[in-house]
Amino acid sequence: LQIGSVLLLGMSGFFLAGLLLGFAIHVLIALE
């Protein structure tokens, strides 16, 4: 999922989606 979020960061128009996906993964793992 983190590799997918990095790939989304490089795509035009999906920067915010990639950033939010990567952040959500980290926060979810930190909490649970």
PDB file of all heavy atoms in Angstrom:
ATOM      1  N   LEU A   1       0.820  -1.215   0.000  1.00  0.00           N
ATOM      2  CA  LEU A   1       0.000   0.000   0.000  1.00  0.00           C
ATOM      3  C   LEU A   1       0.853   1.265   0.000  1.00  0.00           C
ATOM      4  O   LEU A   1       0.502   2.262  -0.637  1.00  0.00           O
ATOM      5  CB  LEU A   1      -0.946  -0.007   1.202  1.00  0.00           C
ATOM      6  CG  LEU A   1      -2.117  -0.977   1.115  1.00  0.00           C
ATOM      7  CD1 LEU A   1      -2.892  -0.996   2.428  1.00  0.00           C
ATOM      8  CD2 LEU A   1      -3.033  -0.621  -0.026  1.00  0.00           C
ATOM      9  N   GLN A   2       1.994   1.242   0.692  1.00  0.00           N
ATOM     10  CA  GLN A   2       2.872   2.406   0.679  1.00  0.00           C
ATOM     11  C   GLN A   2       3.515   2.598  -0.691  1.00  0.00           C
ATOM     12  O   GLN A   2       3.681   3.732  -1.144  1.00  0.00           O
ATOM     13  CB  GLN A   2       3.930   2.286   1.763  1.00  0.00           C
ATOM     14  CG  GLN A   2       3.367   2.536   3.140  1.00  0.00           C
ATOM     15  CD  GLN A   2       4.433   2.454   4.212  1.00  0.00           C
ATOM     16  OE1 GLN A   2       5.519   1.946   4.002  1.00  0.00           O
ATOM     17  NE2 GLN A   2       4.083   2.951   5.391  1.00  0.00           N
ATOM     18  N   ILE A   3       3.870   1.513  -1.338  1.00  0.00           N
ATOM     19  CA  ILE A   3       4.403   1.623  -2.707  1.00  0.00           C
ATOM     20  C   ILE A   3       3.330   2.195  -3.621  1.00  0.00           C
ATOM     21  O   ILE A   3       3.608   3.055  -4.464  1.00  0.00           O
ATOM     22  CB  ILE A   3       4.910   0.247  -3.196  1.00  0.00           C
ATOM     23  CG1 ILE A   3       6.168  -0.146  -2.428  1.00  0.00           C
ATOM     24  CG2 ILE A   3       5.187   0.267  -4.697  1.00  0.00           C
ATOM     25  CD1 ILE A   3       6.639  -1.561  -2.675  1.00  0.00           C
ATOM     26  N   GLY A   4       2.080   1.733  -3.437  1.00  0.00           N
ATOM     27  CA  GLY A   4       0.973   2.286  -4.223  1.00  0.00           C
ATOM     28  C   GLY A   4       0.764   3.764  -3.966  1.00  0.00           C
ATOM     29  O   GLY A   4       0.490   4.536  -4.899  1.00  0.00           O
ATOM     30  N   SER A   5       0.916   4.190  -2.722  1.00  0.00           N
ATOM     31  CA  SER A   5       0.753   5.622  -2.420  1.00  0.00           C
ATOM     32  C   SER A   5       1.873   6.448  -3.045  1.00  0.00           C
ATOM     33  O   SER A   5       1.634   7.564  -3.515  1.00  0.00           O
ATOM     34  CB  SER A   5       0.681   5.852  -0.916  1.00  0.00           C
ATOM     35  OG  SER A   5       1.939   5.658  -0.309  1.00  0.00           O
ATOM     36  N   VAL A   6       3.084   5.887  -3.093  1.00  0.00           N
ATOM     37  CA  VAL A   6       4.196   6.599  -3.738  1.00  0.00           C
ATOM     38  C   VAL A   6       3.950   6.689  -5.242  1.00  0.00           C
ATOM     39  O   VAL A   6       4.229   7.721  -5.871  1.00  0.00           O
ATOM     40  CB  VAL A   6       5.539   5.896  -3.427  1.00  0.00           C
ATOM     41  CG1 VAL A   6       6.666   6.450  -4.276  1.00  0.00           C
ATOM     42  CG2 VAL A   6       5.873   6.040  -1.953  1.00  0.00           C
ATOM     43  N   LEU A   7       3.406   5.637  -5.845  1.00  0.00           N
ATOM     44  CA  LEU A   7       3.081   5.675  -7.268  1.00  0.00           C
ATOM     45  C   LEU A   7       1.987   6.700  -7.552  1.00  0.00           C
ATOM     46  O   LEU A   7       2.026   7.387  -8.578  1.00  0.00           O
ATOM     47  CB  LEU A   7       2.656   4.286  -7.759  1.00  0.00           C
ATOM     48  CG  LEU A   7       3.754   3.221  -7.784  1.00  0.00           C
ATOM     49  CD1 LEU A   7       3.168   1.866  -8.164  1.00  0.00           C
ATOM     50  CD2 LEU A   7       4.870   3.616  -8.727  1.00  0.00           C
ATOM     51  N   LEU A   8       1.010   6.808  -6.640  1.00  0.00           N
ATOM     52  CA  LEU A   8      -0.035   7.822  -6.802  1.00  0.00           C
ATOM     53  C   LEU A   8       0.521   9.239  -6.691  1.00  0.00           C
ATOM     54  O   LEU A   8       0.023  10.156  -7.347  1.00  0.00           O
ATOM     55  CB  LEU A   8      -1.143   7.622  -5.769  1.00  0.00           C
ATOM     56  CG  LEU A   8      -2.121   6.484  -6.016  1.00  0.00           C
ATOM     57  CD1 LEU A   8      -3.088   6.364  -4.846  1.00  0.00           C
ATOM     58  CD2 LEU A   8      -2.892   6.692  -7.304  1.00  0.00           C
ATOM     59  N   LEU A   9       1.537   9.402  -5.862  1.00  0.00           N
ATOM     60  CA  LEU A   9       2.153  10.728  -5.722  1.00  0.00           C
ATOM     61  C   LEU A   9       2.751  11.188  -7.050  1.00  0.00           C
ATOM     62  O   LEU A   9       2.745  12.387  -7.367  1.00  0.00           O
ATOM     63  CB  LEU A   9       3.250  10.708  -4.654  1.00  0.00           C
ATOM     64  CG  LEU A   9       2.811  10.670  -3.198  1.00  0.00           C
ATOM     65  CD1 LEU A   9       4.012  10.466  -2.288  1.00  0.00           C
ATOM     66  CD2 LEU A   9       2.081  11.932  -2.822  1.00  0.00           C
ATOM     67  N   GLY A  10       3.269  10.269  -7.837  1.00  0.00           N
ATOM     68  CA  GLY A  10       3.899  10.618  -9.110  1.00  0.00           C
ATOM     69  C   GLY A  10       2.921  10.842 -10.249  1.00  0.00           C
ATOM     70  O   GLY A  10       3.292  11.407 -11.276  1.00  0.00           O
ATOM     71  N   MET A  11       1.690  10.416 -10.095  1.00  0.00           N
ATOM     72  CA  MET A  11       0.694  10.584 -11.156  1.00  0.00           C
ATOM     73  C   MET A  11       0.066  11.969 -11.074  1.00  0.00           C
ATOM     74  O   MET A  11      -0.202  12.478  -9.993  1.00  0.00           O
ATOM     75  CB  MET A  11      -0.395   9.519 -11.051  1.00  0.00           C
ATOM     76  CG  MET A  11       0.103   8.107 -11.193  1.00  0.00           C
ATOM     77  SD  MET A  11      -1.203   6.941 -10.833  1.00  0.00           S
ATOM     78  CE  MET A  11      -1.461   6.292 -12.453  1.00  0.00           C
ATOM     79  N   SER A  12      -0.172  12.548 -12.214  1.00  0.00           N
ATOM     80  CA  SER A  12      -0.778  13.885 -12.225  1.00  0.00           C
ATOM     81  C   SER A  12      -2.244  13.780 -11.794  1.00  0.00           C
ATOM     82  O   SER A  12      -2.987  12.906 -12.237  1.00  0.00           O
ATOM     83  CB  SER A  12      -0.681  14.503 -13.619  1.00  0.00           C
ATOM     84  OG  SER A  12      -1.392  13.722 -14.549  1.00  0.00           O
ATOM     85  N   GLY A  13      -2.633  14.647 -10.892  1.00  0.00           N
ATOM     86  CA  GLY A  13      -3.997  14.686 -10.405  1.00  0.00           C
ATOM     87  C   GLY A  13      -4.258  13.769  -9.217  1.00  0.00           C
ATOM     88  O   GLY A  13      -5.349  13.807  -8.638  1.00  0.00           O
ATOM     89  N   PHE A  14      -3.313  12.925  -8.836  1.00  0.00           N
ATOM     90  CA  PHE A  14      -3.513  11.989  -7.734  1.00  0.00           C
ATOM     91  C   PHE A  14      -2.536  12.229  -6.578  1.00  0.00           C
ATOM     92  O   PHE A  14      -2.372  11.376  -5.718  1.00  0.00           O
ATOM     93  CB  PHE A  14      -3.366  10.537  -8.217  1.00  0.00           C
ATOM     94  CG  PHE A  14      -4.480  10.085  -9.098  1.00  0.00           C
ATOM     95  CD1 PHE A  14      -4.310  10.026 -10.473  1.00  0.00           C
ATOM     96  CD2 PHE A  14      -5.699   9.738  -8.557  1.00  0.00           C
ATOM     97  CE1 PHE A  14      -5.341   9.614 -11.288  1.00  0.00           C
ATOM     98  CE2 PHE A  14      -6.740   9.316  -9.364  1.00  0.00           C
ATOM     99  CZ  PHE A  14      -6.558   9.261 -10.735  1.00  0.00           C
ATOM    100  N   PHE A  15      -1.896  13.392  -6.598  1.00  0.00           N
ATOM    101  CA  PHE A  15      -0.920  13.683  -5.555  1.00  0.00           C
ATOM    102  C   PHE A  15      -1.566  13.656  -4.172  1.00  0.00           C
ATOM    103  O   PHE A  15      -1.051  13.035  -3.248  1.00  0.00           O
ATOM    104  CB  PHE A  15      -0.257  15.046  -5.806  1.00  0.00           C
ATOM    105  CG  PHE A  15       0.741  15.414  -4.752  1.00  0.00           C
ATOM    106  CD1 PHE A  15       2.019  14.881  -4.779  1.00  0.00           C
ATOM    107  CD2 PHE A  15       0.400  16.271  -3.716  1.00  0.00           C
ATOM    108  CE1 PHE A  15       2.944  15.204  -3.807  1.00  0.00           C
ATOM    109  CE2 PHE A  15       1.314  16.586  -2.728  1.00  0.00           C
ATOM    110  CZ  PHE A  15       2.597  16.062  -2.773  1.00  0.00           C
ATOM    111  N   LEU A  16      -2.714  14.329  -4.031  1.00  0.00           N
ATOM    112  CA  LEU A  16      -3.392  14.390  -2.736  1.00  0.00           C
ATOM    113  C   LEU A  16      -3.867  12.998  -2.300  1.00  0.00           C
ATOM    114  O   LEU A  16      -3.760  12.640  -1.122  1.00  0.00           O
ATOM    115  CB  LEU A  16      -4.574  15.365  -2.788  1.00  0.00           C
ATOM    116  CG  LEU A  16      -5.311  15.587  -1.471  1.00  0.00           C
ATOM    117  CD1 LEU A  16      -4.367  16.157  -0.425  1.00  0.00           C
ATOM    118  CD2 LEU A  16      -6.499  16.487  -1.677  1.00  0.00           C
ATOM    119  N   ALA A  17      -4.366  12.200  -3.232  1.00  0.00           N
ATOM    120  CA  ALA A  17      -4.823  10.848  -2.896  1.00  0.00           C
ATOM    121  C   ALA A  17      -3.652   9.996  -2.406  1.00  0.00           C
ATOM    122  O   ALA A  17      -3.775   9.249  -1.431  1.00  0.00           O
ATOM    123  CB  ALA A  17      -5.481  10.205  -4.113  1.00  0.00           C
ATOM    124  N   GLY A  18      -2.506  10.093  -3.062  1.00  0.00           N
ATOM    125  CA  GLY A  18      -1.323   9.341  -2.640  1.00  0.00           C
ATOM    126  C   GLY A  18      -0.836   9.784  -1.283  1.00  0.00           C
ATOM    127  O   GLY A  18      -0.444   8.962  -0.445  1.00  0.00           O
ATOM    128  N   LEU A  19      -0.844  11.083  -1.040  1.00  0.00           N
ATOM    129  CA  LEU A  19      -0.415  11.630   0.237  1.00  0.00           C
ATOM    130  C   LEU A  19      -1.337  11.165   1.373  1.00  0.00           C
ATOM    131  O   LEU A  19      -0.866  10.728   2.425  1.00  0.00           O
ATOM    132  CB  LEU A  19      -0.380  13.158   0.168  1.00  0.00           C
ATOM    133  CG  LEU A  19       0.214  13.889   1.358  1.00  0.00           C
ATOM    134  CD1 LEU A  19       1.702  13.589   1.455  1.00  0.00           C
ATOM    135  CD2 LEU A  19      -0.026  15.369   1.233  1.00  0.00           C
ATOM    136  N   LEU A  20      -2.652  11.248   1.138  1.00  0.00           N
ATOM    137  CA  LEU A  20      -3.608  10.827   2.157  1.00  0.00           C
ATOM    138  C   LEU A  20      -3.549   9.319   2.403  1.00  0.00           C
ATOM    139  O   LEU A  20      -3.676   8.871   3.549  1.00  0.00           O
ATOM    140  CB  LEU A  20      -5.019  11.245   1.758  1.00  0.00           C
ATOM    141  CG  LEU A  20      -5.300  12.744   1.817  1.00  0.00           C
ATOM    142  CD1 LEU A  20      -6.702  13.036   1.309  1.00  0.00           C
ATOM    143  CD2 LEU A  20      -5.112  13.277   3.212  1.00  0.00           C
ATOM    144  N   LEU A  21      -3.363   8.520   1.356  1.00  0.00           N
ATOM    145  CA  LEU A  21      -3.260   7.071   1.526  1.00  0.00           C
ATOM    146  C   LEU A  21      -2.035   6.712   2.367  1.00  0.00           C
ATOM    147  O   LEU A  21      -2.131   5.917   3.309  1.00  0.00           O
ATOM    148  CB  LEU A  21      -3.194   6.370   0.170  1.00  0.00           C
ATOM    149  CG  LEU A  21      -3.031   4.852   0.219  1.00  0.00           C
ATOM    150  CD1 LEU A  21      -4.224   4.206   0.902  1.00  0.00           C
ATOM    151  CD2 LEU A  21      -2.819   4.291  -1.163  1.00  0.00           C
ATOM    152  N   GLY A  22      -0.891   7.298   2.052  1.00  0.00           N
ATOM    153  CA  GLY A  22       0.321   7.029   2.833  1.00  0.00           C
ATOM    154  C   GLY A  22       0.183   7.458   4.279  1.00  0.00           C
ATOM    155  O   GLY A  22       0.565   6.724   5.205  1.00  0.00           O
ATOM    156  N   PHE A  23      -0.411   8.640   4.498  1.00  0.00           N
ATOM    157  CA  PHE A  23      -0.611   9.133   5.854  1.00  0.00           C
ATOM    158  C   PHE A  23      -1.592   8.236   6.621  1.00  0.00           C
ATOM    159  O   PHE A  23      -1.373   7.917   7.794  1.00  0.00           O
ATOM    160  CB  PHE A  23      -1.115  10.586   5.816  1.00  0.00           C
ATOM    161  CG  PHE A  23      -1.313  11.193   7.166  1.00  0.00           C
ATOM    162  CD1 PHE A  23      -0.224  11.518   7.964  1.00  0.00           C
ATOM    163  CD2 PHE A  23      -2.587  11.430   7.656  1.00  0.00           C
ATOM    164  CE1 PHE A  23      -0.399  12.071   9.213  1.00  0.00           C
ATOM    165  CE2 PHE A  23      -2.777  11.989   8.900  1.00  0.00           C
ATOM    166  CZ  PHE A  23      -1.678  12.306   9.680  1.00  0.00           C
ATOM    167  N   ALA A  24      -2.659   7.810   5.968  1.00  0.00           N
ATOM    168  CA  ALA A  24      -3.669   6.965   6.617  1.00  0.00           C
ATOM    169  C   ALA A  24      -3.073   5.623   7.022  1.00  0.00           C
ATOM    170  O   ALA A  24      -3.380   5.103   8.105  1.00  0.00           O
ATOM    171  CB  ALA A  24      -4.858   6.763   5.685  1.00  0.00           C
ATOM    172  N   ILE A  25      -2.212   5.057   6.188  1.00  0.00           N
ATOM    173  CA  ILE A  25      -1.571   3.777   6.519  1.00  0.00           C
ATOM    174  C   ILE A  25      -0.733   3.926   7.775  1.00  0.00           C
ATOM    175  O   ILE A  25      -0.817   3.116   8.707  1.00  0.00           O
ATOM    176  CB  ILE A  25      -0.718   3.278   5.341  1.00  0.00           C
ATOM    177  CG1 ILE A  25      -1.605   2.909   4.157  1.00  0.00           C
ATOM    178  CG2 ILE A  25       0.139   2.087   5.751  1.00  0.00           C
ATOM    179  CD1 ILE A  25      -0.835   2.738   2.873  1.00  0.00           C
ATOM    180  N   HIS A  26       0.068   4.972   7.817  1.00  0.00           N
ATOM    181  CA  HIS A  26       0.945   5.179   8.978  1.00  0.00           C
ATOM    182  C   HIS A  26       0.143   5.417  10.258  1.00  0.00           C
ATOM    183  O   HIS A  26       0.470   4.855  11.309  1.00  0.00           O
ATOM    184  CB  HIS A  26       1.893   6.353   8.705  1.00  0.00           C
ATOM    185  CG  HIS A  26       3.016   6.004   7.810  1.00  0.00           C
ATOM    186  ND1 HIS A  26       4.225   5.572   8.279  1.00  0.00           N
ATOM    187  CD2 HIS A  26       3.128   5.998   6.460  1.00  0.00           C
ATOM    188  CE1 HIS A  26       5.039   5.333   7.274  1.00  0.00           C
ATOM    189  NE2 HIS A  26       4.384   5.581   6.146  1.00  0.00           N
ATOM    190  N   VAL A  27      -0.895   6.235  10.178  1.00  0.00           N
ATOM    191  CA  VAL A  27      -1.689   6.534  11.371  1.00  0.00           C
ATOM    192  C   VAL A  27      -2.442   5.289  11.844  1.00  0.00           C
ATOM    193  O   VAL A  27      -2.507   5.015  13.047  1.00  0.00           O
ATOM    194  CB  VAL A  27      -2.656   7.713  11.101  1.00  0.00           C
ATOM    195  CG1 VAL A  27      -3.667   7.863  12.225  1.00  0.00           C
ATOM    196  CG2 VAL A  27      -1.878   8.992  10.919  1.00  0.00           C
ATOM    197  N   LEU A  28      -3.007   4.525  10.908  1.00  0.00           N
ATOM    198  CA  LEU A  28      -3.737   3.312  11.285  1.00  0.00           C
ATOM    199  C   LEU A  28      -2.826   2.314  11.980  1.00  0.00           C
ATOM    200  O   LEU A  28      -3.194   1.734  13.014  1.00  0.00           O
ATOM    201  CB  LEU A  28      -4.367   2.677  10.045  1.00  0.00           C
ATOM    202  CG  LEU A  28      -5.175   1.405  10.291  1.00  0.00           C
ATOM    203  CD1 LEU A  28      -6.400   1.721  11.129  1.00  0.00           C
ATOM    204  CD2 LEU A  28      -5.557   0.758   8.987  1.00  0.00           C
ATOM    205  N   ILE A  29      -1.625   2.131  11.469  1.00  0.00           N
ATOM    206  CA  ILE A  29      -0.694   1.184  12.092  1.00  0.00           C
ATOM    207  C   ILE A  29      -0.220   1.716  13.443  1.00  0.00           C
ATOM    208  O   ILE A  29      -0.057   0.950  14.399  1.00  0.00           O
ATOM    209  CB  ILE A  29       0.477   0.883  11.140  1.00  0.00           C
ATOM    210  CG1 ILE A  29      -0.053   0.108   9.932  1.00  0.00           C
ATOM    211  CG2 ILE A  29       1.576   0.091  11.845  1.00  0.00           C
ATOM    212  CD1 ILE A  29       0.935  -0.067   8.817  1.00  0.00           C
ATOM    213  N   ALA A  30      -0.020   3.021  13.550  1.00  0.00           N
ATOM    214  CA  ALA A  30       0.404   3.599  14.828  1.00  0.00           C
ATOM    215  C   ALA A  30      -0.672   3.446  15.897  1.00  0.00           C
ATOM    216  O   ALA A  30      -0.364   3.213  17.068  1.00  0.00           O
ATOM    217  CB  ALA A  30       0.747   5.067  14.647  1.00  0.00           C
ATOM    218  N   LEU A  31      -1.935   3.529  15.510  1.00  0.00           N
ATOM    219  CA  LEU A  31      -3.022   3.421  16.479  1.00  0.00           C
ATOM    220  C   LEU A  31      -3.380   1.982  16.808  1.00  0.00           C
ATOM    221  O   LEU A  31      -3.688   1.658  17.956  1.00  0.00           O
ATOM    222  CB  LEU A  31      -4.268   4.147  15.952  1.00  0.00           C
ATOM    223  CG  LEU A  31      -4.193   5.664  15.922  1.00  0.00           C
ATOM    224  CD1 LEU A  31      -5.402   6.233  15.201  1.00  0.00           C
ATOM    225  CD2 LEU A  31      -4.091   6.229  17.319  1.00  0.00           C
ATOM    226  N   GLU A  32      -3.371   1.091  15.838  1.00  0.00           N
ATOM    227  CA  GLU A  32      -3.859  -0.270  16.025  1.00  0.00           C
ATOM    228  C   GLU A  32      -2.774  -1.347  15.970  1.00  0.00           C
ATOM    229  O   GLU A  32      -3.070  -2.524  16.128  1.00  0.00           O
ATOM    230  CB  GLU A  32      -4.933  -0.588  14.990  1.00  0.00           C
ATOM    231  CG  GLU A  32      -6.202   0.202  15.176  1.00  0.00           C
ATOM    232  CD  GLU A  32      -6.888  -0.082  16.499  1.00  0.00           C
ATOM    233  OE1 GLU A  32      -6.864  -1.243  16.961  1.00  0.00           O
ATOM    234  OE2 GLU A  32      -7.445   0.864  17.076  1.00  0.00           O
TER     235      GLU A  32
END
